[in-house]
Amino acid sequence: MLAETGANLLAADDDGWLAVLSVGPAGSRFVASCDLAAPVAALRAVEDRLFELVERLGEEEDEWDAASGPYRTATPRDPAFVDPAVLRSAPRRHTT
C-alpha cells in the first residue's frame, strides 16, 4: 500500500492502485478491488512515526563530522520507534 515513490501512503479511494493481494488461511490471490480505508487509516500512525524517525536521523547526521569518529546513533532503538521486546528477541551480532 505504500506508494512506489517516497513511501507515502496513498488515499484509500485512490484509483492508482496496481494490485491488491488478499491473503488468508486458504491461500492468497490478487483481487480487482477491496475496501482499503481501514488498513490505510491504521497505517497512518506508522507512516507518521517513520517520517519522524527519518527527520531525527537527518538532524543527527547533520551534526556529525568526520573528527567525531564512526557515525552511530541510538535513535532507531528509541522505544518511540521500536518495541523493546523486538530488540530483546533479535539475534545479537558479534564482531571480533
C-alpha atoms as a PDB file:
ATOM      1  CA  MET A   1       0.000   0.000   0.000  1.00  0.00           C
ATOM      2  CA  LEU A   2       2.975   2.307   0.091  1.00  0.00           C
ATOM      3  CA  ALA A   3       3.307   4.447  -2.969  1.00  0.00           C
ATOM      4  CA  GLU A   4       6.222   3.385  -5.083  1.00  0.00           C
ATOM      5  CA  THR A   5       7.840   6.799  -4.673  1.00  0.00           C
ATOM      6  CA  GLY A   6       8.531   8.404  -1.338  1.00  0.00           C
ATOM      7  CA  ALA A   7       6.932   5.640   0.798  1.00  0.00           C
ATOM      8  CA  ASN A   8       3.818   7.771   1.244  1.00  0.00           C
ATOM      9  CA  LEU A   9       0.514   6.001   1.763  1.00  0.00           C
ATOM     10  CA  LEU A  10      -1.995   6.604  -0.994  1.00  0.00           C
ATOM     11  CA  ALA A  11      -5.517   7.652  -0.145  1.00  0.00           C
ATOM     12  CA  ALA A  12      -7.796   4.654   0.367  1.00  0.00           C
ATOM     13  CA  ASP A  13     -10.018   5.754  -2.516  1.00  0.00           C
ATOM     14  CA  ASP A  14      -7.120   6.476  -4.895  1.00  0.00           C
ATOM     15  CA  ASP A  15      -7.621   4.832  -8.278  1.00  0.00           C
ATOM     16  CA  GLY A  16      -3.885   4.416  -8.864  1.00  0.00           C
ATOM     17  CA  TRP A  17      -3.512   1.041  -7.128  1.00  0.00           C
ATOM     18  CA  LEU A  18      -1.566  -1.502  -9.140  1.00  0.00           C
ATOM     19  CA  ALA A  19      -2.800  -4.613  -7.343  1.00  0.00           C
ATOM     20  CA  VAL A  20      -4.254  -5.844  -4.069  1.00  0.00           C
ATOM     21  CA  LEU A  21      -3.194  -9.229  -2.726  1.00  0.00           C
ATOM     22  CA  SER A  22      -5.776 -10.872  -0.498  1.00  0.00           C
ATOM     23  CA  VAL A  23      -4.104 -13.262   1.946  1.00  0.00           C
ATOM     24  CA  GLY A  24      -5.984 -15.791   4.056  1.00  0.00           C
ATOM     25  CA  PRO A  25      -5.615 -19.232   5.659  1.00  0.00           C
ATOM     26  CA  ALA A  26      -6.557 -20.994   2.403  1.00  0.00           C
ATOM     27  CA  GLY A  27      -4.060 -19.080   0.284  1.00  0.00           C
ATOM     28  CA  SER A  28      -3.682 -15.773  -1.473  1.00  0.00           C
ATOM     29  CA  ARG A  29      -4.938 -14.199  -4.676  1.00  0.00           C
ATOM     30  CA  PHE A  30      -4.973 -10.869  -6.408  1.00  0.00           C
ATOM     31  CA  VAL A  31      -8.358  -9.168  -6.279  1.00  0.00           C
ATOM     32  CA  ALA A  32      -9.815  -6.499  -8.522  1.00  0.00           C
ATOM     33  CA  SER A  33     -10.804  -4.248  -5.645  1.00  0.00           C
ATOM     34  CA  CYS A  34     -11.345  -4.138  -1.915  1.00  0.00           C
ATOM     35  CA  ASP A  35     -12.078  -1.549   0.753  1.00  0.00           C
ATOM     36  CA  LEU A  36      -8.696  -0.348   1.997  1.00  0.00           C
ATOM     37  CA  ALA A  37      -9.966   2.544   4.096  1.00  0.00           C
ATOM     38  CA  ALA A  38      -9.454   0.783   7.451  1.00  0.00           C
ATOM     39  CA  PRO A  39      -5.963  -0.639   6.721  1.00  0.00           C
ATOM     40  CA  VAL A  40      -4.761   2.690   5.328  1.00  0.00           C
ATOM     41  CA  ALA A  41      -6.176   4.578   8.327  1.00  0.00           C
ATOM     42  CA  ALA A  42      -4.467   2.107  10.685  1.00  0.00           C
ATOM     43  CA  LEU A  43      -1.124   2.635   8.938  1.00  0.00           C
ATOM     44  CA  ARG A  44      -1.210   6.443   9.102  1.00  0.00           C
ATOM     45  CA  ALA A  45       0.288   6.474  12.613  1.00  0.00           C
ATOM     46  CA  VAL A  46       3.110   4.189  11.469  1.00  0.00           C
ATOM     47  CA  GLU A  47       3.748   6.387   8.445  1.00  0.00           C
ATOM     48  CA  ASP A  48       3.936   9.457  10.703  1.00  0.00           C
ATOM     49  CA  ARG A  49       6.376   7.670  13.035  1.00  0.00           C
ATOM     50  CA  LEU A  50       8.565   6.653  10.059  1.00  0.00           C
ATOM     51  CA  PHE A  51       8.858  10.244   8.890  1.00  0.00           C
ATOM     52  CA  GLU A  52       9.620  11.375  12.459  1.00  0.00           C
ATOM     53  CA  LEU A  53      12.436   8.801  12.622  1.00  0.00           C
ATOM     54  CA  VAL A  54      13.840   9.921   9.258  1.00  0.00           C
ATOM     55  CA  GLU A  55      13.757  13.548  10.373  1.00  0.00           C
ATOM     56  CA  ARG A  56      15.555  12.795  13.663  1.00  0.00           C
ATOM     57  CA  LEU A  57      18.200  10.725  11.911  1.00  0.00           C
ATOM     58  CA  GLY A  58      18.746  13.532   9.398  1.00  0.00           C
ATOM     59  CA  GLU A  59      19.247  16.054  12.182  1.00  0.00           C
ATOM     60  CA  GLU A  60      21.754  13.788  13.936  1.00  0.00           C
ATOM     61  CA  GLU A  61      23.658  13.117  10.733  1.00  0.00           C
ATOM     62  CA  ASP A  62      23.871  16.855  10.042  1.00  0.00           C
ATOM     63  CA  GLU A  63      25.519  17.329  13.462  1.00  0.00           C
ATOM     64  CA  TRP A  64      28.109  14.592  12.852  1.00  0.00           C
ATOM     65  CA  ASP A  65      31.566  15.302  11.495  1.00  0.00           C
ATOM     66  CA  ALA A  66      34.446  13.055  10.450  1.00  0.00           C
ATOM     67  CA  ALA A  67      36.520  14.041  13.512  1.00  0.00           C
ATOM     68  CA  SER A  68      33.837  12.557  15.785  1.00  0.00           C
ATOM     69  CA  GLY A  69      34.697   9.002  14.772  1.00  0.00           C
ATOM     70  CA  PRO A  70      32.265   6.372  13.461  1.00  0.00           C
ATOM     71  CA  TYR A  71      28.697   7.620  12.989  1.00  0.00           C
ATOM     72  CA  ARG A  72      26.429   5.808  15.438  1.00  0.00           C
ATOM     73  CA  THR A  73      23.040   6.736  16.799  1.00  0.00           C
ATOM     74  CA  ALA A  74      20.701   5.207  19.354  1.00  0.00           C
ATOM     75  CA  THR A  75      17.639   6.775  17.713  1.00  0.00           C
ATOM     76  CA  PRO A  76      16.489   3.655  15.797  1.00  0.00           C
ATOM     77  CA  ARG A  77      16.434   1.783  19.126  1.00  0.00           C
ATOM     78  CA  ASP A  78      14.422   4.507  20.846  1.00  0.00           C
ATOM     79  CA  PRO A  79      11.218   2.946  22.265  1.00  0.00           C
ATOM     80  CA  ALA A  80       9.310   5.629  20.359  1.00  0.00           C
ATOM     81  CA  PHE A  81      10.321   3.868  17.146  1.00  0.00           C
ATOM     82  CA  VAL A  82      10.647   0.192  18.069  1.00  0.00           C
ATOM     83  CA  ASP A  83       9.081  -2.108  20.640  1.00  0.00           C
ATOM     84  CA  PRO A  84      11.844  -3.029  23.131  1.00  0.00           C
ATOM     85  CA  ALA A  85      10.542  -6.623  23.070  1.00  0.00           C
ATOM     86  CA  VAL A  86      11.604  -6.832  19.427  1.00  0.00           C
ATOM     87  CA  LEU A  87      15.116  -5.767  20.333  1.00  0.00           C
ATOM     88  CA  ARG A  88      15.287  -8.332  23.145  1.00  0.00           C
ATOM     89  CA  SER A  89      14.269 -11.133  20.782  1.00  0.00           C
ATOM     90  CA  ALA A  90      16.572 -10.131  17.922  1.00  0.00           C
ATOM     91  CA  PRO A  91      19.708 -12.222  17.487  1.00  0.00           C
ATOM     92  CA  ARG A  92      22.854 -10.437  18.588  1.00  0.00           C
ATOM     93  CA  ARG A  93      25.606  -9.798  16.072  1.00  0.00           C
ATOM     94  CA  HIS A  94      29.079 -10.466  17.351  1.00  0.00           C
ATOM     95  CA  THR A  95      32.110  -8.821  15.828  1.00  0.00           C
ATOM     96  CA  THR A  96      35.659  -9.759  16.555  1.00  0.00           C
END
